[in-house]
Amino acid sequence: MQIQNNVFIVTGGASGLGAATARMIVGQGGKVVLADVQVEPGEALAAELKAVFVKCDVTSEADGTAVVDAALALGTLRGLINCAGVAPAVKTVGKDGPHPLDVFQRTVNINLVGTFNMARLAADAMGKTAATDSGERGVIINTASVAAFDGQIGQAAYAASKAAVAGLTLPMARDLSRSAIRVMTIAPGIFETPMLMGMPEEVRTALGNMVPFPPRLGRPDEYAHLAKAIIENTMLNGETIRLDGAIRMQPK
């Protein structure tokens, strides 16, 4: 799979892992549609990269369809990288009582249902394209988290949603094999996302020191580097890759 001259959708593309991935794709000669609910940063990045921004709630079929249509207007859609997500911190039972059900449902809806919604719509479009010389039509990269395997205190909703994304990987890859579309998932560890970068420096340093090697927070461009390798390596399919410096999260 070549990045150059092909079109890729990046959800959550206005910041963090998604923005780094969009920069990588454009740097490799690809075309990008940024899909995000953050309008101002999304439009600013699109202007910088000469990309297209579409305001998108990933749980909406209409919004997802609009994103795919925008991608098809640019050229041949070859990939989707799902980076949109939320990460609440709420205990199953806390000082204020049981975990609010709407918070759990919203987390699963965005992180899992949103991922599936965008994947099904993009896959339908990619499956109708002509195959490349290597016989493939597209690639989908979803984003889980190490919390899928090592969920911490307060991460019941987040860990459940990300474990489901990891569990989605193989059956979706098998479903889409007849269309020659690959499906992979990246499970990042502790990364320099906008949420983490808003924490005090001493907290960020302490979190980075939890990583065996390298003892620091992951960088968004390292996520993008792995996404590039997945796009270009046709044999990578149906697997979740931990990108975490060998960290195994403690309960808290």
Protein backbone atom coordinates (compact mmCIF):
# COMPACT_ATOMS: atom_id res chain seq x y z
CA MET A 1 0.00 0.00 0.00
CA GLN A 2 1.40 3.35 -1.06
CA ILE A 3 0.62 6.55 0.80
CA GLN A 4 1.57 8.88 -2.04
CA ASN A 5 -1.39 10.16 -4.10
CA ASN A 6 -3.89 8.15 -2.07
CA VAL A 7 -6.58 9.48 0.29
CA PHE A 8 -6.78 8.71 4.01
CA ILE A 9 -9.35 9.64 6.65
CA VAL A 10 -8.10 10.46 10.14
CA THR A 11 -10.69 10.72 12.91
CA GLY A 12 -9.69 12.77 15.91
CA GLY A 13 -7.36 14.40 13.42
CA ALA A 14 -7.38 17.89 14.90
CA SER A 15 -4.94 17.11 17.71
CA GLY A 16 -2.72 14.54 19.38
CA LEU A 17 -2.17 11.17 17.71
CA GLY A 18 -4.53 12.00 14.86
CA ALA A 19 -2.81 15.27 14.00
CA ALA A 20 0.61 13.59 13.99
CA THR A 21 -0.73 10.87 11.69
CA ALA A 22 -2.22 13.45 9.33
CA ARG A 23 1.12 15.27 9.17
CA MET A 24 2.88 11.98 8.38
CA ILE A 25 0.47 11.14 5.56
CA VAL A 26 0.77 14.57 3.95
CA GLY A 27 4.55 14.41 4.38
CA GLN A 28 4.52 11.15 2.43
CA GLY A 29 2.53 12.68 -0.42
CA GLY A 30 -0.90 11.47 0.62
CA LYS A 31 -4.18 13.37 0.91
CA VAL A 32 -6.03 13.67 4.20
CA VAL A 33 -9.56 14.28 5.39
CA LEU A 34 -9.53 15.39 9.04
CA ALA A 35 -12.68 14.32 10.91
CA ASP A 36 -13.15 15.87 14.33
CA VAL A 37 -15.64 17.69 16.55
CA GLN A 38 -13.00 20.36 17.27
CA VAL A 39 -13.70 22.89 14.53
CA GLU A 40 -11.11 25.64 15.08
CA PRO A 41 -8.00 23.44 15.49
CA GLY A 42 -9.30 21.14 12.76
CA GLU A 43 -9.72 23.93 10.24
CA ALA A 44 -6.35 25.43 11.21
CA LEU A 45 -4.51 22.14 10.69
CA ALA A 46 -6.36 21.51 7.43
CA ALA A 47 -5.26 24.92 6.15
CA GLU A 48 -1.66 24.20 7.17
CA LEU A 49 -1.58 20.76 5.54
CA LYS A 50 -3.75 21.68 2.54
CA ALA A 51 -6.10 18.97 3.75
CA VAL A 52 -9.87 18.86 4.10
CA PHE A 53 -11.65 19.25 7.44
CA VAL A 54 -15.12 17.86 8.12
CA LYS A 55 -16.82 18.37 11.46
CA CYS A 56 -17.72 14.88 12.55
CA ASP A 57 -19.31 13.12 15.48
CA VAL A 58 -18.02 9.61 14.84
CA THR A 59 -21.19 8.08 16.30
CA SER A 60 -23.33 9.76 13.62
CA GLU A 61 -24.04 7.88 10.39
CA ALA A 62 -24.74 11.16 8.57
CA ASP A 63 -21.46 12.72 9.73
CA GLY A 64 -19.51 9.58 8.88
CA THR A 65 -21.04 9.47 5.41
CA ALA A 66 -20.14 13.12 4.86
CA VAL A 67 -16.52 12.38 5.76
CA VAL A 68 -16.34 9.43 3.35
CA ASP A 69 -17.94 11.51 0.59
CA ALA A 70 -15.34 14.24 1.16
CA ALA A 71 -12.57 11.65 0.89
CA LEU A 72 -13.96 10.19 -2.34
CA ALA A 73 -14.06 13.69 -3.82
CA LEU A 74 -10.30 13.94 -3.30
CA GLY A 75 -9.35 10.73 -5.09
CA THR A 76 -8.99 7.04 -4.24
CA LEU A 77 -9.75 6.30 -0.59
CA ARG A 78 -7.22 3.78 0.70
CA GLY A 79 -7.22 4.13 4.44
CA LEU A 80 -8.92 5.08 7.69
CA ILE A 81 -7.06 5.81 10.93
CA ASN A 82 -9.41 6.02 13.90
CA CYS A 83 -7.96 8.23 16.65
CA ALA A 84 -11.12 9.83 18.05
CA GLY A 85 -11.89 8.92 21.64
CA VAL A 86 -12.60 9.97 25.21
CA ALA A 87 -11.03 8.85 28.49
CA PRO A 88 -13.14 9.50 31.60
CA ALA A 89 -11.85 8.55 35.05
CA VAL A 90 -14.70 7.26 37.23
CA LYS A 91 -14.75 4.40 39.74
CA THR A 92 -17.42 1.71 39.53
CA VAL A 93 -18.56 2.89 42.96
CA GLY A 94 -17.06 6.12 44.26
CA LYS A 95 -17.61 8.61 47.06
CA ASP A 96 -20.65 9.99 45.25
CA GLY A 97 -22.20 6.60 44.54
CA PRO A 98 -22.24 4.28 41.52
CA HIS A 99 -20.58 5.11 38.21
CA PRO A 100 -22.99 7.31 36.21
CA LEU A 101 -24.45 5.05 33.55
CA ASP A 102 -24.54 7.83 30.94
CA VAL A 103 -20.78 8.33 31.29
CA PHE A 104 -20.17 4.63 30.68
CA GLN A 105 -22.54 4.59 27.72
CA ARG A 106 -21.01 7.73 26.17
CA THR A 107 -17.50 6.27 26.47
CA VAL A 108 -18.50 3.01 24.78
CA ASN A 109 -20.52 4.90 22.17
CA ILE A 110 -17.62 7.13 21.10
CA ASN A 111 -14.69 4.74 21.53
CA LEU A 112 -16.30 1.54 20.26
CA VAL A 113 -19.46 2.35 18.31
CA GLY A 114 -17.80 5.40 16.74
CA THR A 115 -14.82 3.31 15.67
CA PHE A 116 -17.09 0.68 14.14
CA ASN A 117 -19.31 3.27 12.46
CA MET A 118 -16.42 4.94 10.66
CA ALA A 119 -14.81 1.59 9.80
CA ARG A 120 -17.95 0.13 8.22
CA LEU A 121 -18.59 3.24 6.11
CA ALA A 122 -14.98 3.59 4.96
CA ALA A 123 -14.71 -0.13 4.23
CA ASP A 124 -17.83 -0.03 2.07
CA ALA A 125 -16.29 2.74 -0.03
CA MET A 126 -12.81 1.18 -0.21
CA GLY A 127 -14.24 -2.17 -1.21
CA LYS A 128 -15.63 -0.59 -4.39
CA THR A 129 -12.24 0.68 -5.60
CA ALA A 130 -9.85 -1.06 -7.95
CA ALA A 131 -7.20 -3.12 -6.19
CA THR A 132 -3.57 -2.05 -6.09
CA ASP A 133 -0.81 -4.03 -7.80
CA SER A 134 -0.43 -6.02 -4.56
CA GLY A 135 -4.13 -6.92 -4.67
CA GLU A 136 -5.31 -4.84 -1.72
CA ARG A 137 -7.93 -2.12 -1.61
CA GLY A 138 -7.47 -0.49 1.74
CA VAL A 139 -6.36 -0.51 5.36
CA ILE A 140 -8.09 0.41 8.61
CA ILE A 141 -6.09 1.29 11.72
CA ASN A 142 -8.02 1.53 14.97
CA THR A 143 -6.73 2.85 18.28
CA ALA A 144 -7.10 0.88 21.50
CA SER A 145 -4.94 1.45 24.60
CA VAL A 146 -2.82 -0.53 27.04
CA ALA A 147 -5.82 0.03 29.33
CA ALA A 148 -7.52 -2.67 27.26
CA PHE A 149 -5.19 -5.12 29.02
CA ASP A 150 -4.02 -3.27 32.18
CA GLY A 151 -6.99 -1.08 33.08
CA GLN A 152 -6.38 1.02 36.18
CA ILE A 153 -8.65 2.13 38.99
CA GLY A 154 -11.25 4.47 37.54
CA GLN A 155 -10.89 3.11 34.01
CA ALA A 156 -13.77 0.62 33.87
CA ALA A 157 -15.53 2.45 31.03
CA TYR A 158 -12.38 3.38 29.14
CA ALA A 159 -10.75 -0.05 29.49
CA ALA A 160 -13.94 -1.85 28.48
CA SER A 161 -14.33 0.28 25.35
CA LYS A 162 -10.69 -0.17 24.32
CA ALA A 163 -10.71 -3.92 25.04
CA ALA A 164 -13.69 -4.12 22.70
CA VAL A 165 -11.75 -2.28 19.98
CA ALA A 166 -8.94 -4.81 20.35
CA GLY A 167 -11.50 -7.63 20.19
CA LEU A 168 -12.99 -6.14 17.05
CA THR A 169 -9.70 -6.37 15.16
CA LEU A 170 -9.54 -10.01 14.08
CA PRO A 171 -13.20 -10.58 13.19
CA MET A 172 -13.30 -7.33 11.21
CA ALA A 173 -10.11 -8.33 9.39
CA ARG A 174 -11.71 -11.65 8.56
CA ASP A 175 -14.94 -9.97 7.45
CA LEU A 176 -13.09 -7.59 5.14
CA SER A 177 -10.58 -10.07 3.74
CA ARG A 178 -12.91 -10.78 0.80
CA SER A 179 -12.68 -7.07 -0.05
CA ALA A 180 -8.88 -7.09 0.35
CA ILE A 181 -9.03 -4.58 3.21
CA ARG A 182 -6.68 -5.04 6.16
CA VAL A 183 -7.54 -4.16 9.78
CA MET A 184 -4.99 -3.40 12.49
CA THR A 185 -5.11 -1.85 15.95
CA ILE A 186 -2.50 0.16 17.83
CA ALA A 187 -2.63 0.10 21.64
CA PRO A 188 -0.59 3.09 22.84
CA GLY A 189 0.81 3.39 26.34
CA ILE A 190 1.21 6.78 28.03
CA PHE A 191 1.53 9.36 25.26
CA GLU A 192 1.91 13.12 25.00
CA THR A 193 -1.72 13.83 24.19
CA PRO A 194 -3.43 17.17 24.90
CA MET A 195 -5.04 15.65 28.01
CA LEU A 196 -1.71 14.55 29.49
CA MET A 197 0.16 17.68 28.44
CA GLY A 198 -2.32 19.69 30.52
CA MET A 199 -1.00 18.01 33.66
CA PRO A 200 1.82 19.53 35.79
CA GLU A 201 5.33 18.77 34.56
CA GLU A 202 6.19 16.77 37.66
CA VAL A 203 3.18 14.53 37.07
CA ARG A 204 4.16 13.98 33.43
CA THR A 205 7.71 13.16 34.49
CA ALA A 206 6.51 10.66 37.08
CA LEU A 207 4.28 8.98 34.50
CA GLY A 208 7.16 8.81 32.01
CA ASN A 209 9.42 7.23 34.62
CA MET A 210 6.95 4.33 34.91
CA VAL A 211 7.94 3.20 31.40
CA PRO A 212 10.79 0.62 31.45
CA PHE A 213 12.40 1.94 28.27
CA PRO A 214 12.48 4.57 27.05
CA PRO A 215 11.57 6.13 30.44
CA ARG A 216 9.40 8.91 29.05
CA LEU A 217 6.00 9.59 27.55
CA GLY A 218 5.42 8.38 24.01
CA ARG A 219 5.39 11.00 21.27
CA PRO A 220 2.56 11.34 18.76
CA ASP A 221 5.00 11.07 15.86
CA GLU A 222 5.97 7.59 17.15
CA TYR A 223 2.33 6.54 16.82
CA ALA A 224 2.33 8.01 13.31
CA HIS A 225 5.54 6.11 12.48
CA LEU A 226 3.88 2.82 13.39
CA ALA A 227 0.78 3.77 11.39
CA LYS A 228 3.04 4.35 8.38
CA ALA A 229 4.62 0.91 8.78
CA ILE A 230 1.19 -0.71 9.01
CA ILE A 231 -0.06 1.06 5.90
CA GLU A 232 2.98 0.01 3.88
CA ASN A 233 3.33 -3.61 5.10
CA THR A 234 0.66 -5.75 3.45
CA MET A 235 1.29 -8.72 5.75
CA LEU A 236 0.24 -6.78 8.86
CA ASN A 237 -3.39 -7.72 9.39
CA GLY A 238 -5.76 -8.75 12.18
CA GLU A 239 -3.47 -7.87 15.08
CA THR A 240 -3.21 -5.39 17.96
CA ILE A 241 0.26 -3.94 18.55
CA ARG A 242 1.17 -2.47 21.93
CA LEU A 243 3.19 0.73 21.54
CA ASP A 244 4.16 1.28 25.14
CA GLY A 245 7.88 0.95 25.96
CA ALA A 246 7.10 -2.34 27.80
CA ILE A 247 4.93 -0.67 30.45
CA ARG A 248 2.44 -2.78 32.37
CA MET A 249 0.09 -0.47 34.24
CA GLN A 250 -0.27 -0.76 38.00
CA PRO A 251 -3.71 -0.50 39.66
CA LYS A 252 -3.16 3.24 40.19
